[in-house]
Amino acid sequence: MTNSKNNSILSIDYPHSHFIANGYKAYAPQSEINADIAVKGSSVLFDPNLDIVEQQRYRNAIEKRNNSW
């Protein structure tokens, strides 16, 4: 994504995480994680694009969902 005012790169989109211009990652919002789990179930954990932080967030959300039933 680029900013039309100064044409600088703000982030490069990846399926679950985003690299921000300063080098830090911004991760998927919780609503996106919940939607992924609703559609894909626990198979979402097999996504090779998930880094370890995102995998843990998905595991935590799956566990929370399973405990609330």
C-alpha atoms as a PDB file:
ATOM      1  CA  MET A   1       0.000   0.000   0.000  1.00  0.00           C
ATOM      2  CA  THR A   2       1.351   3.435  -0.776  1.00  0.00           C
ATOM      3  CA  ASN A   3       0.458   6.829   0.494  1.00  0.00           C
ATOM      4  CA  SER A   4      -0.630   9.033  -2.415  1.00  0.00           C
ATOM      5  CA  LYS A   5       0.642  12.184  -0.707  1.00  0.00           C
ATOM      6  CA  ASN A   6       4.301  11.181  -0.546  1.00  0.00           C
ATOM      7  CA  ASN A   7       4.410   7.800  -2.355  1.00  0.00           C
ATOM      8  CA  SER A   8       6.189   6.148   0.584  1.00  0.00           C
ATOM      9  CA  ILE A   9       5.604   2.505   1.372  1.00  0.00           C
ATOM     10  CA  LEU A  10       3.471   2.169   4.475  1.00  0.00           C
ATOM     11  CA  SER A  11       3.232  -1.620   4.617  1.00  0.00           C
ATOM     12  CA  ILE A  12       3.611  -4.742   2.551  1.00  0.00           C
ATOM     13  CA  ASP A  13       0.582  -6.997   2.907  1.00  0.00           C
ATOM     14  CA  TYR A  14       0.994 -10.651   3.831  1.00  0.00           C
ATOM     15  CA  PRO A  15      -1.883 -13.008   4.599  1.00  0.00           C
ATOM     16  CA  HIS A  16      -1.784 -12.620   8.385  1.00  0.00           C
ATOM     17  CA  SER A  17       0.816 -10.095   9.353  1.00  0.00           C
ATOM     18  CA  HIS A  18       1.938  -6.793   7.954  1.00  0.00           C
ATOM     19  CA  PHE A  19       5.409  -5.316   7.860  1.00  0.00           C
ATOM     20  CA  ILE A  20       5.232  -1.661   8.738  1.00  0.00           C
ATOM     21  CA  ALA A  21       7.721   0.888   7.387  1.00  0.00           C
ATOM     22  CA  ASN A  22       9.657   1.010  10.672  1.00  0.00           C
ATOM     23  CA  GLY A  23      10.345  -2.739  10.519  1.00  0.00           C
ATOM     24  CA  TYR A  24       7.833  -3.817  13.155  1.00  0.00           C
ATOM     25  CA  LYS A  25       4.965  -6.162  12.410  1.00  0.00           C
ATOM     26  CA  ALA A  26       1.320  -5.426  12.915  1.00  0.00           C
ATOM     27  CA  TYR A  27      -0.638  -8.610  13.380  1.00  0.00           C
ATOM     28  CA  ALA A  28      -4.126  -9.598  12.313  1.00  0.00           C
ATOM     29  CA  PRO A  29      -6.884  -8.047  14.398  1.00  0.00           C
ATOM     30  CA  GLN A  30      -8.766 -10.407  16.710  1.00  0.00           C
ATOM     31  CA  SER A  31     -11.859 -10.147  14.513  1.00  0.00           C
ATOM     32  CA  GLU A  32      -9.883 -11.567  11.563  1.00  0.00           C
ATOM     33  CA  ILE A  33      -8.586 -14.420  13.724  1.00  0.00           C
ATOM     34  CA  ASN A  34     -12.127 -15.206  14.904  1.00  0.00           C
ATOM     35  CA  ALA A  35     -13.427 -15.157  11.331  1.00  0.00           C
ATOM     36  CA  ASP A  36     -10.617 -17.467  10.130  1.00  0.00           C
ATOM     37  CA  ILE A  37     -11.366 -19.930  12.922  1.00  0.00           C
ATOM     38  CA  ALA A  38     -15.106 -19.806  12.209  1.00  0.00           C
ATOM     39  CA  VAL A  39     -14.483 -20.695   8.574  1.00  0.00           C
ATOM     40  CA  LYS A  40     -11.442 -22.978   8.740  1.00  0.00           C
ATOM     41  CA  GLY A  41     -11.565 -24.336  12.280  1.00  0.00           C
ATOM     42  CA  SER A  42      -8.306 -25.588  13.768  1.00  0.00           C
ATOM     43  CA  SER A  43      -6.937 -26.362  10.289  1.00  0.00           C
ATOM     44  CA  VAL A  44      -5.976 -22.682  10.156  1.00  0.00           C
ATOM     45  CA  LEU A  45      -2.945 -23.668  12.281  1.00  0.00           C
ATOM     46  CA  PHE A  46      -1.493 -25.524   9.284  1.00  0.00           C
ATOM     47  CA  ASP A  47      -1.142 -22.283   7.310  1.00  0.00           C
ATOM     48  CA  PRO A  48       2.585 -22.009   6.460  1.00  0.00           C
ATOM     49  CA  ASN A  49       2.323 -18.199   6.400  1.00  0.00           C
ATOM     50  CA  LEU A  50       1.637 -17.947  10.126  1.00  0.00           C
ATOM     51  CA  ASP A  51       4.646 -16.988  12.196  1.00  0.00           C
ATOM     52  CA  ILE A  52       5.016 -18.263  15.748  1.00  0.00           C
ATOM     53  CA  VAL A  53       3.303 -15.241  17.321  1.00  0.00           C
ATOM     54  CA  GLU A  54       0.281 -15.577  15.051  1.00  0.00           C
ATOM     55  CA  GLN A  55       0.143 -19.364  15.622  1.00  0.00           C
ATOM     56  CA  GLN A  56      -0.047 -18.765  19.362  1.00  0.00           C
ATOM     57  CA  ARG A  57      -2.764 -16.147  18.946  1.00  0.00           C
ATOM     58  CA  TYR A  58      -4.780 -18.618  16.849  1.00  0.00           C
ATOM     59  CA  ARG A  59      -4.206 -21.424  19.396  1.00  0.00           C
ATOM     60  CA  ASN A  60      -5.353 -19.156  22.212  1.00  0.00           C
ATOM     61  CA  ALA A  61      -8.476 -18.147  20.295  1.00  0.00           C
ATOM     62  CA  ILE A  62      -9.284 -21.796  19.462  1.00  0.00           C
ATOM     63  CA  GLU A  63      -8.815 -22.805  23.083  1.00  0.00           C
ATOM     64  CA  LYS A  64     -11.001 -19.929  24.281  1.00  0.00           C
ATOM     65  CA  ARG A  65     -13.676 -20.885  21.756  1.00  0.00           C
ATOM     66  CA  ASN A  66     -13.572 -24.557  22.794  1.00  0.00           C
ATOM     67  CA  ASN A  67     -13.817 -23.656  26.486  1.00  0.00           C
ATOM     68  CA  SER A  68     -16.821 -21.411  25.932  1.00  0.00           C
ATOM     69  CA  TRP A  69     -18.968 -24.213  24.443  1.00  0.00           C
END
